[in-house]
C-alpha atoms as a PDB file:
ATOM      1  CA  UNK A   1     -43.054   0.308  10.175  1.00  0.00           C
ATOM      2  CA  UNK A   2     -44.641  -1.847   7.462  1.00  0.00           C
ATOM      3  CA  UNK A   3     -48.102  -0.691   8.516  1.00  0.00           C
ATOM      4  CA  UNK A   4     -47.081   2.970   8.311  1.00  0.00           C
ATOM      5  CA  UNK A   5     -45.459   2.382   4.921  1.00  0.00           C
ATOM      6  CA  UNK A   6     -48.628   0.744   3.581  1.00  0.00           C
ATOM      7  CA  UNK A   7     -50.671   3.660   4.930  1.00  0.00           C
ATOM      8  CA  UNK A   8     -48.686   6.181   2.895  1.00  0.00           C
ATOM      9  CA  UNK A   9     -45.774   7.139   5.153  1.00  0.00           C
ATOM     10  CA  UNK A  10     -42.940   7.775   2.688  1.00  0.00           C
ATOM     11  CA  UNK A  11     -40.226   7.834   5.359  1.00  0.00           C
ATOM     12  CA  UNK A  12     -41.418   4.517   6.785  1.00  0.00           C
ATOM     13  CA  UNK A  13     -41.372   2.960   3.309  1.00  0.00           C
ATOM     14  CA  UNK A  14     -37.797   4.135   2.667  1.00  0.00           C
ATOM     15  CA  UNK A  15     -36.705   2.959   6.120  1.00  0.00           C
ATOM     16  CA  UNK A  16     -38.248  -0.479   5.560  1.00  0.00           C
ATOM     17  CA  UNK A  17     -36.493  -0.719   2.209  1.00  0.00           C
ATOM     18  CA  UNK A  18     -33.123   0.191   3.759  1.00  0.00           C
ATOM     19  CA  UNK A  19     -33.600  -2.289   6.593  1.00  0.00           C
ATOM     20  CA  UNK A  20     -34.355  -5.116   4.171  1.00  0.00           C
ATOM     21  CA  UNK A  21     -31.429  -4.038   1.970  1.00  0.00           C
ATOM     22  CA  UNK A  22     -29.044  -4.388   4.920  1.00  0.00           C
ATOM     23  CA  UNK A  23     -30.334  -7.892   5.605  1.00  0.00           C
ATOM     24  CA  UNK A  24     -29.806  -8.865   1.964  1.00  0.00           C
ATOM     25  CA  UNK A  25     -26.146  -7.914   2.368  1.00  0.00           C
ATOM     26  CA  UNK A  26     -25.591  -9.486   5.779  1.00  0.00           C
ATOM     27  CA  UNK A  27     -23.774 -12.488   4.285  1.00  0.00           C
ATOM     28  CA  UNK A  28     -23.559 -14.774   1.228  1.00  0.00           C
ATOM     29  CA  UNK A  29     -26.668 -14.544  -0.958  1.00  0.00           C
ATOM     30  CA  UNK A  30     -27.611 -18.202  -0.412  1.00  0.00           C
ATOM     31  CA  UNK A  31     -27.709 -17.647   3.350  1.00  0.00           C
ATOM     32  CA  UNK A  32     -30.193 -14.755   3.236  1.00  0.00           C
ATOM     33  CA  UNK A  33     -33.496 -15.711   4.850  1.00  0.00           C
ATOM     34  CA  UNK A  34     -36.151 -15.710   2.049  1.00  0.00           C
ATOM     35  CA  UNK A  35     -38.569 -13.577   4.048  1.00  0.00           C
ATOM     36  CA  UNK A  36     -36.133 -10.647   3.799  1.00  0.00           C
ATOM     37  CA  UNK A  37     -36.188 -10.876   0.008  1.00  0.00           C
ATOM     38  CA  UNK A  38     -39.980 -10.670   0.074  1.00  0.00           C
ATOM     39  CA  UNK A  39     -39.782  -7.832   2.608  1.00  0.00           C
ATOM     40  CA  UNK A  40     -37.504  -5.932   0.230  1.00  0.00           C
ATOM     41  CA  UNK A  41     -39.948  -6.453  -2.653  1.00  0.00           C
ATOM     42  CA  UNK A  42     -42.833  -5.195  -0.512  1.00  0.00           C
ATOM     43  CA  UNK A  43     -40.886  -2.120   0.563  1.00  0.00           C
ATOM     44  CA  UNK A  44     -39.999  -1.394  -3.079  1.00  0.00           C
ATOM     45  CA  UNK A  45     -43.686  -1.556  -3.982  1.00  0.00           C
ATOM     46  CA  UNK A  46     -44.539   0.970  -1.239  1.00  0.00           C
ATOM     47  CA  UNK A  47     -41.709   3.316  -2.280  1.00  0.00           C
ATOM     48  CA  UNK A  48     -42.781   3.077  -5.917  1.00  0.00           C
ATOM     49  CA  UNK A  49     -46.390   3.816  -5.001  1.00  0.00           C
ATOM     50  CA  UNK A  50     -45.411   7.012  -3.190  1.00  0.00           C
ATOM     51  CA  UNK A  51     -43.133   8.165  -6.032  1.00  0.00           C
ATOM     52  CA  UNK A  52     -45.763   7.399  -8.647  1.00  0.00           C
ATOM     53  CA  UNK A  53     -48.438   9.372  -6.839  1.00  0.00           C
ATOM     54  CA  UNK A  54     -46.012  12.308  -6.692  1.00  0.00           C
ATOM     55  CA  UNK A  55     -45.359  12.142 -10.435  1.00  0.00           C
ATOM     56  CA  UNK A  56     -41.815  10.817  -9.936  1.00  0.00           C
ATOM     57  CA  UNK A  57     -42.184   8.049 -12.505  1.00  0.00           C
ATOM     58  CA  UNK A  58     -38.480   7.316 -13.053  1.00  0.00           C
ATOM     59  CA  UNK A  59     -37.864   6.880  -9.318  1.00  0.00           C
ATOM     60  CA  UNK A  60     -40.920   4.644  -9.091  1.00  0.00           C
ATOM     61  CA  UNK A  61     -39.677   2.467 -11.951  1.00  0.00           C
ATOM     62  CA  UNK A  62     -36.215   2.176 -10.437  1.00  0.00           C
ATOM     63  CA  UNK A  63     -37.679   1.020  -7.119  1.00  0.00           C
ATOM     64  CA  UNK A  64     -39.771  -1.619  -8.894  1.00  0.00           C
ATOM     65  CA  UNK A  65     -36.810  -2.848 -10.946  1.00  0.00           C
ATOM     66  CA  UNK A  66     -34.700  -3.180  -7.815  1.00  0.00           C
ATOM     67  CA  UNK A  67     -37.508  -5.213  -6.285  1.00  0.00           C
ATOM     68  CA  UNK A  68     -37.312  -7.568  -9.264  1.00  0.00           C
ATOM     69  CA  UNK A  69     -33.526  -7.834  -9.152  1.00  0.00           C
ATOM     70  CA  UNK A  70     -33.004  -8.235  -5.416  1.00  0.00           C
ATOM     71  CA  UNK A  71     -36.389  -9.336  -4.082  1.00  0.00           C
ATOM     72  CA  UNK A  72     -38.082 -12.707  -3.721  1.00  0.00           C
ATOM     73  CA  UNK A  73     -40.541 -14.449  -6.013  1.00  0.00           C
ATOM     74  CA  UNK A  74     -43.721 -13.953  -3.986  1.00  0.00           C
ATOM     75  CA  UNK A  75     -44.466 -10.440  -5.259  1.00  0.00           C
ATOM     76  CA  UNK A  76     -42.928 -10.767  -8.712  1.00  0.00           C
ATOM     77  CA  UNK A  77     -46.285 -10.618 -10.513  1.00  0.00           C
ATOM     78  CA  UNK A  78     -47.272  -7.514  -8.533  1.00  0.00           C
ATOM     79  CA  UNK A  79     -43.979  -5.834  -9.418  1.00  0.00           C
ATOM     80  CA  UNK A  80     -44.377  -6.608 -13.124  1.00  0.00           C
ATOM     81  CA  UNK A  81     -47.962  -5.338 -13.104  1.00  0.00           C
ATOM     82  CA  UNK A  82     -46.867  -2.050 -11.552  1.00  0.00           C
ATOM     83  CA  UNK A  83     -43.929  -1.794 -13.959  1.00  0.00           C
ATOM     84  CA  UNK A  84     -46.354  -1.954 -16.868  1.00  0.00           C
ATOM     85  CA  UNK A  85     -48.437   0.868 -15.394  1.00  0.00           C
ATOM     86  CA  UNK A  86     -45.455   3.103 -14.597  1.00  0.00           C
ATOM     87  CA  UNK A  87     -43.774   2.436 -17.963  1.00  0.00           C
ATOM     88  CA  UNK A  88     -46.962   3.429 -19.781  1.00  0.00           C
ATOM     89  CA  UNK A  89     -47.137   6.669 -17.787  1.00  0.00           C
ATOM     90  CA  UNK A  90     -43.489   7.413 -18.596  1.00  0.00           C
ATOM     91  CA  UNK A  91     -44.031   6.838 -22.305  1.00  0.00           C
ATOM     92  CA  UNK A  92     -47.022   9.176 -22.337  1.00  0.00           C
ATOM     93  CA  UNK A  93     -44.991  11.844 -20.540  1.00  0.00           C
ATOM     94  CA  UNK A  94     -42.030  11.500 -22.919  1.00  0.00           C
ATOM     95  CA  UNK A  95     -44.322  11.611 -25.942  1.00  0.00           C
ATOM     96  CA  UNK A  96     -45.897  14.807 -24.648  1.00  0.00           C
ATOM     97  CA  UNK A  97     -42.595  16.431 -23.657  1.00  0.00           C
ATOM     98  CA  UNK A  98     -41.095  15.720 -27.097  1.00  0.00           C
ATOM     99  CA  UNK A  99     -44.058  17.084 -28.994  1.00  0.00           C
ATOM    100  CA  UNK A 100     -45.124  13.737 -30.399  1.00  0.00           C
ATOM    101  CA  UNK A 101     -41.932  11.688 -30.334  1.00  0.00           C
ATOM    102  CA  UNK A 102     -38.477  11.572 -31.864  1.00  0.00           C
ATOM    103  CA  UNK A 103     -37.482  10.999 -35.449  1.00  0.00           C
ATOM    104  CA  UNK A 104     -35.938   7.641 -36.220  1.00  0.00           C
ATOM    105  CA  UNK A 105     -32.195   8.138 -36.415  1.00  0.00           C
ATOM    106  CA  UNK A 106     -29.178   6.146 -37.505  1.00  0.00           C
ATOM    107  CA  UNK A 107     -26.957   4.582 -34.889  1.00  0.00           C
ATOM    108  CA  UNK A 108     -23.752   5.327 -36.727  1.00  0.00           C
ATOM    109  CA  UNK A 109     -22.573   6.731 -40.000  1.00  0.00           C
ATOM    110  CA  UNK A 110     -19.556   5.654 -41.954  1.00  0.00           C
ATOM    111  CA  UNK A 111     -17.178   2.836 -41.106  1.00  0.00           C
ATOM    112  CA  UNK A 112     -13.530   3.038 -42.065  1.00  0.00           C
ATOM    113  CA  UNK A 113     -12.017  -0.438 -41.786  1.00  0.00           C
ATOM    114  CA  UNK A 114      -8.455   0.805 -42.196  1.00  0.00           C
ATOM    115  CA  UNK A 115      -8.868   3.138 -39.247  1.00  0.00           C
ATOM    116  CA  UNK A 116     -10.596   0.497 -37.154  1.00  0.00           C
ATOM    117  CA  UNK A 117      -7.857  -2.090 -37.674  1.00  0.00           C
ATOM    118  CA  UNK A 118      -5.348   0.305 -36.087  1.00  0.00           C
ATOM    119  CA  UNK A 119      -7.306   0.029 -32.830  1.00  0.00           C
ATOM    120  CA  UNK A 120      -7.411  -3.771 -32.770  1.00  0.00           C
ATOM    121  CA  UNK A 121      -4.954  -6.198 -31.092  1.00  0.00           C
ATOM    122  CA  UNK A 122      -1.802  -7.329 -32.887  1.00  0.00           C
ATOM    123  CA  UNK A 123      -2.164  -9.397 -36.080  1.00  0.00           C
ATOM    124  CA  UNK A 124      -5.910  -8.742 -36.264  1.00  0.00           C
ATOM    125  CA  UNK A 125      -7.572  -9.816 -39.535  1.00  0.00           C
ATOM    126  CA  UNK A 126      -4.196 -10.904 -40.909  1.00  0.00           C
ATOM    127  CA  UNK A 127      -4.352 -14.643 -40.238  1.00  0.00           C
ATOM    128  CA  UNK A 128      -7.260 -17.080 -40.488  1.00  0.00           C
ATOM    129  CA  UNK A 129     -10.802 -15.754 -40.408  1.00  0.00           C
ATOM    130  CA  UNK A 130     -13.874 -17.544 -39.099  1.00  0.00           C
ATOM    131  CA  UNK A 131     -15.673 -19.514 -41.807  1.00  0.00           C
ATOM    132  CA  UNK A 132     -18.935 -17.896 -42.945  1.00  0.00           C
ATOM    133  CA  UNK A 133     -21.964 -19.814 -44.230  1.00  0.00           C
ATOM    134  CA  UNK A 134     -25.278 -18.571 -45.572  1.00  0.00           C
ATOM    135  CA  UNK A 135     -28.477 -20.311 -44.520  1.00  0.00           C
ATOM    136  CA  UNK A 136     -26.671 -23.174 -42.772  1.00  0.00           C
ATOM    137  CA  UNK A 137     -29.044 -26.122 -42.202  1.00  0.00           C
ATOM    138  CA  UNK A 138     -29.429 -27.619 -38.745  1.00  0.00           C
ATOM    139  CA  UNK A 139     -28.050 -30.908 -40.055  1.00  0.00           C
ATOM    140  CA  UNK A 140     -25.026 -29.128 -41.512  1.00  0.00           C
ATOM    141  CA  UNK A 141     -24.472 -27.230 -38.273  1.00  0.00           C
ATOM    142  CA  UNK A 142     -24.583 -30.460 -36.251  1.00  0.00           C
ATOM    143  CA  UNK A 143     -22.261 -32.389 -38.544  1.00  0.00           C
ATOM    144  CA  UNK A 144     -19.734 -29.712 -39.447  1.00  0.00           C
ATOM    145  CA  UNK A 145     -19.564 -27.504 -36.364  1.00  0.00           C
ATOM    146  CA  UNK A 146     -21.416 -28.703 -33.261  1.00  0.00           C
ATOM    147  CA  UNK A 147     -19.892 -32.187 -33.098  1.00  0.00           C
ATOM    148  CA  UNK A 148     -16.412 -31.107 -34.182  1.00  0.00           C
ATOM    149  CA  UNK A 149     -16.389 -27.939 -32.078  1.00  0.00           C
ATOM    150  CA  UNK A 150     -15.614 -25.555 -34.939  1.00  0.00           C
ATOM    151  CA  UNK A 151     -16.710 -21.875 -34.878  1.00  0.00           C
ATOM    152  CA  UNK A 152     -18.807 -20.582 -37.753  1.00  0.00           C
ATOM    153  CA  UNK A 153     -20.554 -17.366 -38.779  1.00  0.00           C
ATOM    154  CA  UNK A 154     -24.120 -17.962 -39.953  1.00  0.00           C
ATOM    155  CA  UNK A 155     -25.712 -15.297 -42.130  1.00  0.00           C
ATOM    156  CA  UNK A 156     -29.333 -14.796 -43.210  1.00  0.00           C
ATOM    157  CA  UNK A 157     -30.773 -16.476 -40.108  1.00  0.00           C
ATOM    158  CA  UNK A 158     -32.131 -13.377 -38.370  1.00  0.00           C
ATOM    159  CA  UNK A 159     -34.121 -11.751 -41.159  1.00  0.00           C
ATOM    160  CA  UNK A 160     -37.408 -12.704 -39.492  1.00  0.00           C
ATOM    161  CA  UNK A 161     -36.510 -11.125 -36.133  1.00  0.00           C
ATOM    162  CA  UNK A 162     -38.595  -8.021 -35.270  1.00  0.00           C
ATOM    163  CA  UNK A 163     -35.433  -6.758 -33.543  1.00  0.00           C
ATOM    164  CA  UNK A 164     -33.717  -6.360 -36.922  1.00  0.00           C
ATOM    165  CA  UNK A 165     -35.832  -3.297 -37.643  1.00  0.00           C
ATOM    166  CA  UNK A 166     -36.946  -2.175 -34.216  1.00  0.00           C
ATOM    167  CA  UNK A 167     -33.582  -2.119 -32.425  1.00  0.00           C
ATOM    168  CA  UNK A 168     -32.032   0.226 -34.956  1.00  0.00           C
ATOM    169  CA  UNK A 169     -34.622   2.812 -33.898  1.00  0.00           C
ATOM    170  CA  UNK A 170     -33.330   4.601 -30.802  1.00  0.00           C
ATOM    171  CA  UNK A 171     -36.775   6.038 -30.160  1.00  0.00           C
ATOM    172  CA  UNK A 172     -38.222   2.516 -29.967  1.00  0.00           C
ATOM    173  CA  UNK A 173     -35.489   1.365 -27.587  1.00  0.00           C
ATOM    174  CA  UNK A 174     -36.003   4.360 -25.356  1.00  0.00           C
ATOM    175  CA  UNK A 175     -39.718   3.681 -25.173  1.00  0.00           C
ATOM    176  CA  UNK A 176     -39.242  -0.023 -24.502  1.00  0.00           C
ATOM    177  CA  UNK A 177     -36.285   0.033 -22.141  1.00  0.00           C
ATOM    178  CA  UNK A 178     -34.786   3.478 -21.802  1.00  0.00           C
ATOM    179  CA  UNK A 179     -35.781   3.945 -18.175  1.00  0.00           C
ATOM    180  CA  UNK A 180     -35.232   0.404 -16.929  1.00  0.00           C
ATOM    181  CA  UNK A 181     -32.511  -0.633 -14.501  1.00  0.00           C
ATOM    182  CA  UNK A 182     -29.969  -3.156 -15.815  1.00  0.00           C
ATOM    183  CA  UNK A 183     -29.946  -6.181 -15.466  1.00  0.00           C
ATOM    184  CA  UNK A 184     -33.722  -6.649 -15.426  1.00  0.00           C
ATOM    185  CA  UNK A 185     -35.407  -8.834 -18.042  1.00  0.00           C
ATOM    186  CA  UNK A 186     -37.318  -6.520 -20.338  1.00  0.00           C
ATOM    187  CA  UNK A 187     -40.280  -8.316 -21.864  1.00  0.00           C
ATOM    188  CA  UNK A 188     -40.764  -5.770 -24.670  1.00  0.00           C
ATOM    189  CA  UNK A 189     -37.290  -6.553 -26.030  1.00  0.00           C
ATOM    190  CA  UNK A 190     -37.519 -10.295 -25.406  1.00  0.00           C
ATOM    191  CA  UNK A 191     -40.510 -10.442 -27.742  1.00  0.00           C
ATOM    192  CA  UNK A 192     -38.338  -9.026 -30.562  1.00  0.00           C
ATOM    193  CA  UNK A 193     -35.950 -11.983 -30.751  1.00  0.00           C
ATOM    194  CA  UNK A 194     -36.287 -15.661 -31.648  1.00  0.00           C
ATOM    195  CA  UNK A 195     -34.194 -18.466 -30.176  1.00  0.00           C
ATOM    196  CA  UNK A 196     -32.220 -19.947 -33.106  1.00  0.00           C
ATOM    197  CA  UNK A 197     -32.950 -23.587 -33.963  1.00  0.00           C
ATOM    198  CA  UNK A 198     -29.217 -24.242 -33.667  1.00  0.00           C
ATOM    199  CA  UNK A 199     -29.533 -23.773 -29.909  1.00  0.00           C
ATOM    200  CA  UNK A 200     -31.467 -27.042 -29.668  1.00  0.00           C
ATOM    201  CA  UNK A 201     -28.596 -29.043 -31.133  1.00  0.00           C
ATOM    202  CA  UNK A 202     -27.481 -31.810 -28.805  1.00  0.00           C
ATOM    203  CA  UNK A 203     -30.874 -32.100 -27.144  1.00  0.00           C
ATOM    204  CA  UNK A 204     -29.869 -29.851 -24.258  1.00  0.00           C
ATOM    205  CA  UNK A 205     -31.531 -26.764 -22.847  1.00  0.00           C
ATOM    206  CA  UNK A 206     -31.092 -23.006 -22.898  1.00  0.00           C
ATOM    207  CA  UNK A 207     -28.997 -21.885 -19.942  1.00  0.00           C
ATOM    208  CA  UNK A 208     -28.958 -18.140 -20.436  1.00  0.00           C
ATOM    209  CA  UNK A 209     -30.031 -15.421 -22.879  1.00  0.00           C
ATOM    210  CA  UNK A 210     -28.283 -12.061 -22.512  1.00  0.00           C
ATOM    211  CA  UNK A 211     -28.427  -8.783 -24.418  1.00  0.00           C
ATOM    212  CA  UNK A 212     -25.271  -6.680 -24.826  1.00  0.00           C
ATOM    213  CA  UNK A 213     -25.648  -2.993 -25.560  1.00  0.00           C
ATOM    214  CA  UNK A 214     -22.762  -0.538 -25.631  1.00  0.00           C
ATOM    215  CA  UNK A 215     -20.785   2.180 -27.408  1.00  0.00           C
ATOM    216  CA  UNK A 216     -17.823   1.668 -29.749  1.00  0.00           C
ATOM    217  CA  UNK A 217     -14.678   0.619 -27.925  1.00  0.00           C
ATOM    218  CA  UNK A 218     -16.497  -1.577 -25.408  1.00  0.00           C
ATOM    219  CA  UNK A 219     -14.209  -4.569 -24.740  1.00  0.00           C
ATOM    220  CA  UNK A 220     -14.818  -7.994 -23.247  1.00  0.00           C
ATOM    221  CA  UNK A 221     -11.358  -9.334 -22.259  1.00  0.00           C
ATOM    222  CA  UNK A 222     -10.117 -12.765 -23.284  1.00  0.00           C
ATOM    223  CA  UNK A 223     -12.081 -15.539 -21.520  1.00  0.00           C
ATOM    224  CA  UNK A 224     -14.018 -18.739 -22.155  1.00  0.00           C
ATOM    225  CA  UNK A 225     -17.477 -19.982 -21.180  1.00  0.00           C
ATOM    226  CA  UNK A 226     -18.642 -23.498 -20.250  1.00  0.00           C
ATOM    227  CA  UNK A 227     -21.587 -23.703 -22.663  1.00  0.00           C
ATOM    228  CA  UNK A 228     -22.304 -23.623 -26.376  1.00  0.00           C
ATOM    229  CA  UNK A 229     -22.827 -20.026 -27.400  1.00  0.00           C
ATOM    230  CA  UNK A 230     -24.437 -18.263 -30.336  1.00  0.00           C
ATOM    231  CA  UNK A 231     -23.776 -14.532 -30.454  1.00  0.00           C
ATOM    232  CA  UNK A 232     -26.339 -12.784 -32.646  1.00  0.00           C
ATOM    233  CA  UNK A 233     -25.362  -9.324 -33.879  1.00  0.00           C
ATOM    234  CA  UNK A 234     -28.580  -7.312 -34.191  1.00  0.00           C
ATOM    235  CA  UNK A 235     -27.188  -3.784 -34.655  1.00  0.00           C
ATOM    236  CA  UNK A 236     -23.657  -2.577 -35.353  1.00  0.00           C
ATOM    237  CA  UNK A 237     -20.365  -4.431 -35.755  1.00  0.00           C
ATOM    238  CA  UNK A 238     -18.010  -6.302 -33.434  1.00  0.00           C
ATOM    239  CA  UNK A 239     -14.481  -7.624 -33.769  1.00  0.00           C
ATOM    240  CA  UNK A 240     -14.082 -11.093 -32.252  1.00  0.00           C
ATOM    241  CA  UNK A 241     -10.925 -13.161 -31.805  1.00  0.00           C
ATOM    242  CA  UNK A 242     -11.082 -16.873 -30.950  1.00  0.00           C
ATOM    243  CA  UNK A 243      -8.453 -19.267 -29.559  1.00  0.00           C
ATOM    244  CA  UNK A 244      -9.052 -23.013 -29.436  1.00  0.00           C
ATOM    245  CA  UNK A 245      -9.659 -24.697 -26.088  1.00  0.00           C
ATOM    246  CA  UNK A 246      -6.619 -26.858 -26.870  1.00  0.00           C
ATOM    247  CA  UNK A 247      -4.258 -23.930 -26.188  1.00  0.00           C
ATOM    248  CA  UNK A 248      -5.785 -22.927 -22.854  1.00  0.00           C
ATOM    249  CA  UNK A 249      -2.590 -23.223 -20.853  1.00  0.00           C
ATOM    250  CA  UNK A 250      -0.749 -21.103 -23.396  1.00  0.00           C
ATOM    251  CA  UNK A 251      -3.192 -18.253 -22.719  1.00  0.00           C
ATOM    252  CA  UNK A 252      -2.037 -17.784 -19.117  1.00  0.00           C
ATOM    253  CA  UNK A 253      -5.339 -18.323 -17.268  1.00  0.00           C
ATOM    254  CA  UNK A 254      -5.571 -16.940 -13.751  1.00  0.00           C
ATOM    255  CA  UNK A 255      -4.583 -19.379 -11.005  1.00  0.00           C
ATOM    256  CA  UNK A 256      -7.581 -18.579  -8.795  1.00  0.00           C
ATOM    257  CA  UNK A 257     -10.423 -21.041  -9.311  1.00  0.00           C
ATOM    258  CA  UNK A 258     -13.001 -18.258  -9.715  1.00  0.00           C
ATOM    259  CA  UNK A 259     -10.960 -16.687 -12.539  1.00  0.00           C
ATOM    260  CA  UNK A 260      -9.683 -19.794 -14.306  1.00  0.00           C
ATOM    261  CA  UNK A 261     -11.834 -18.968 -17.320  1.00  0.00           C
ATOM    262  CA  UNK A 262     -10.134 -15.568 -17.744  1.00  0.00           C
ATOM    263  CA  UNK A 263      -6.720 -14.852 -19.238  1.00  0.00           C
ATOM    264  CA  UNK A 264      -4.142 -12.673 -17.529  1.00  0.00           C
ATOM    265  CA  UNK A 265      -3.188 -11.298 -20.937  1.00  0.00           C
ATOM    266  CA  UNK A 266      -4.470  -7.911 -22.073  1.00  0.00           C
ATOM    267  CA  UNK A 267      -4.631  -8.370 -25.839  1.00  0.00           C
ATOM    268  CA  UNK A 268      -4.692  -4.613 -26.349  1.00  0.00           C
ATOM    269  CA  UNK A 269      -1.398  -4.204 -24.519  1.00  0.00           C
ATOM    270  CA  UNK A 270       0.524  -7.497 -24.357  1.00  0.00           C
ATOM    271  CA  UNK A 271       3.477  -7.698 -22.016  1.00  0.00           C
ATOM    272  CA  UNK A 272       5.804  -9.734 -24.242  1.00  0.00           C
ATOM    273  CA  UNK A 273       8.272 -10.478 -21.442  1.00  0.00           C
ATOM    274  CA  UNK A 274       5.632 -11.793 -19.049  1.00  0.00           C
ATOM    275  CA  UNK A 275       3.541 -13.627 -21.669  1.00  0.00           C
ATOM    276  CA  UNK A 276       5.948 -14.597 -24.481  1.00  0.00           C
ATOM    277  CA  UNK A 277       3.972 -17.630 -25.704  1.00  0.00           C
ATOM    278  CA  UNK A 278       1.029 -15.440 -26.729  1.00  0.00           C
ATOM    279  CA  UNK A 279       2.793 -13.932 -29.718  1.00  0.00           C
ATOM    280  CA  UNK A 280       2.950 -17.116 -31.813  1.00  0.00           C
ATOM    281  CA  UNK A 281      -0.380 -18.713 -30.938  1.00  0.00           C
ATOM    282  CA  UNK A 282      -2.780 -19.403 -33.784  1.00  0.00           C
ATOM    283  CA  UNK A 283      -6.232 -17.871 -33.690  1.00  0.00           C
ATOM    284  CA  UNK A 284      -9.189 -17.104 -35.926  1.00  0.00           C
ATOM    285  CA  UNK A 285     -11.002 -13.791 -35.956  1.00  0.00           C
ATOM    286  CA  UNK A 286     -13.742 -11.861 -37.717  1.00  0.00           C
ATOM    287  CA  UNK A 287     -15.836  -8.742 -37.884  1.00  0.00           C
ATOM    288  CA  UNK A 288     -19.351  -9.816 -36.993  1.00  0.00           C
ATOM    289  CA  UNK A 289     -21.780  -7.811 -39.106  1.00  0.00           C
ATOM    290  CA  UNK A 290     -25.418  -6.927 -38.533  1.00  0.00           C
ATOM    291  CA  UNK A 291     -27.685  -9.909 -39.122  1.00  0.00           C
ATOM    292  CA  UNK A 292     -24.950 -12.486 -38.523  1.00  0.00           C
ATOM    293  CA  UNK A 293     -24.620 -15.117 -35.802  1.00  0.00           C
ATOM    294  CA  UNK A 294     -21.348 -16.511 -34.489  1.00  0.00           C
ATOM    295  CA  UNK A 295     -21.207 -19.996 -32.989  1.00  0.00           C
ATOM    296  CA  UNK A 296     -18.597 -20.213 -30.204  1.00  0.00           C
ATOM    297  CA  UNK A 297     -17.986 -23.792 -28.987  1.00  0.00           C
ATOM    298  CA  UNK A 298     -17.631 -24.478 -25.243  1.00  0.00           C
ATOM    299  CA  UNK A 299     -14.346 -23.369 -23.693  1.00  0.00           C
ATOM    300  CA  UNK A 300     -13.122 -21.599 -26.807  1.00  0.00           C
ATOM    301  CA  UNK A 301     -11.420 -18.412 -25.665  1.00  0.00           C
ATOM    302  CA  UNK A 302     -12.777 -15.179 -27.087  1.00  0.00           C
ATOM    303  CA  UNK A 303     -12.028 -11.475 -27.015  1.00  0.00           C
ATOM    304  CA  UNK A 304     -14.719  -9.033 -28.169  1.00  0.00           C
ATOM    305  CA  UNK A 305     -14.553  -5.340 -29.121  1.00  0.00           C
ATOM    306  CA  UNK A 306     -17.473  -3.217 -30.307  1.00  0.00           C
ATOM    307  CA  UNK A 307     -16.477  -1.298 -33.441  1.00  0.00           C
ATOM    308  CA  UNK A 308     -19.645   0.818 -33.529  1.00  0.00           C
ATOM    309  CA  UNK A 309     -22.571   1.342 -31.190  1.00  0.00           C
ATOM    310  CA  UNK A 310     -23.671  -2.257 -30.827  1.00  0.00           C
ATOM    311  CA  UNK A 311     -26.609  -4.384 -29.728  1.00  0.00           C
ATOM    312  CA  UNK A 312     -26.228  -8.168 -29.680  1.00  0.00           C
ATOM    313  CA  UNK A 313     -27.787 -11.176 -27.990  1.00  0.00           C
ATOM    314  CA  UNK A 314     -26.043 -14.308 -26.739  1.00  0.00           C
ATOM    315  CA  UNK A 315     -27.699 -17.702 -26.324  1.00  0.00           C
ATOM    316  CA  UNK A 316     -26.029 -20.256 -24.058  1.00  0.00           C
ATOM    317  CA  UNK A 317     -27.137 -23.885 -24.136  1.00  0.00           C
ATOM    318  CA  UNK A 318     -25.857 -27.201 -22.817  1.00  0.00           C
ATOM    319  CA  UNK A 319     -25.701 -30.742 -24.143  1.00  0.00           C
ATOM    320  CA  UNK A 320     -28.343 -33.201 -22.996  1.00  0.00           C
ATOM    321  CA  UNK A 321     -27.387 -34.619 -19.613  1.00  0.00           C
ATOM    322  CA  UNK A 322     -24.270 -32.444 -19.427  1.00  0.00           C
ATOM    323  CA  UNK A 323     -25.112 -29.113 -17.823  1.00  0.00           C
ATOM    324  CA  UNK A 324     -21.520 -27.916 -17.676  1.00  0.00           C
ATOM    325  CA  UNK A 325     -20.379 -29.401 -20.972  1.00  0.00           C
ATOM    326  CA  UNK A 326     -17.201 -30.364 -19.292  1.00  0.00           C
END
């Protein structure tokens, strides 16, 4: 089958891909034999080759992305090389189809805070707000926030990011990532951001960098994470509510071990009879504006709602010698 696929047999390539896919889902991920991951990558390459030669560039790119996401490491360089070729062909086609490209457009127009507040959870923006500091030094961050575990909004620390200008241009985003399959790592966008110096506080290491892109109304329910976190708001606005780690049990975490970092409480529709302690708990909140970063200490609970179309990046890092920060 592999020989026929390599020779140009489209059906054989699809069959090989499906066979490998079934093996990838035959049990827990850690128990999958590595050769099947490489077999899936190879099959994706063959499928992409056939689609590309037929002018089906989007299908080719999807096959390659799936090879990156689900396949092994052996053919990763080959996949990325082909992705560059297919992406370039797609951009040329889009440029031609649109008569030379799209005009740069605004993501959103107008923002009525009074109307927005009506959509937020109870008591929003009526209690304590997160402290905001401009140009916070690394020494100040360490002394006043990192060591003490106190959230802070840092402004004027992203002005040098290429993303500040580029990501507000929908045409640029479409060219760079519009046809890619989430959750692949998109190099074109990665080059537009800079890891904040604050993320090296404590002498630890970066654990994860994630981009969050979504429409207004996108909600991340109340939960906490094990690492230090800086959320950088590149485009748009987000409402964020924070509860201290000291009140964890008052936030009704799930009993199951896999969900212990998530609250049972829906802040947008609180059941007062089932979760009565929630109503009087202290919290801090804020509207995170474009160009601002929010430091969220480990195990601080947070709820997030996009108020406009939004694009943000989160940086997780751990303390030196303490990968879980527990």
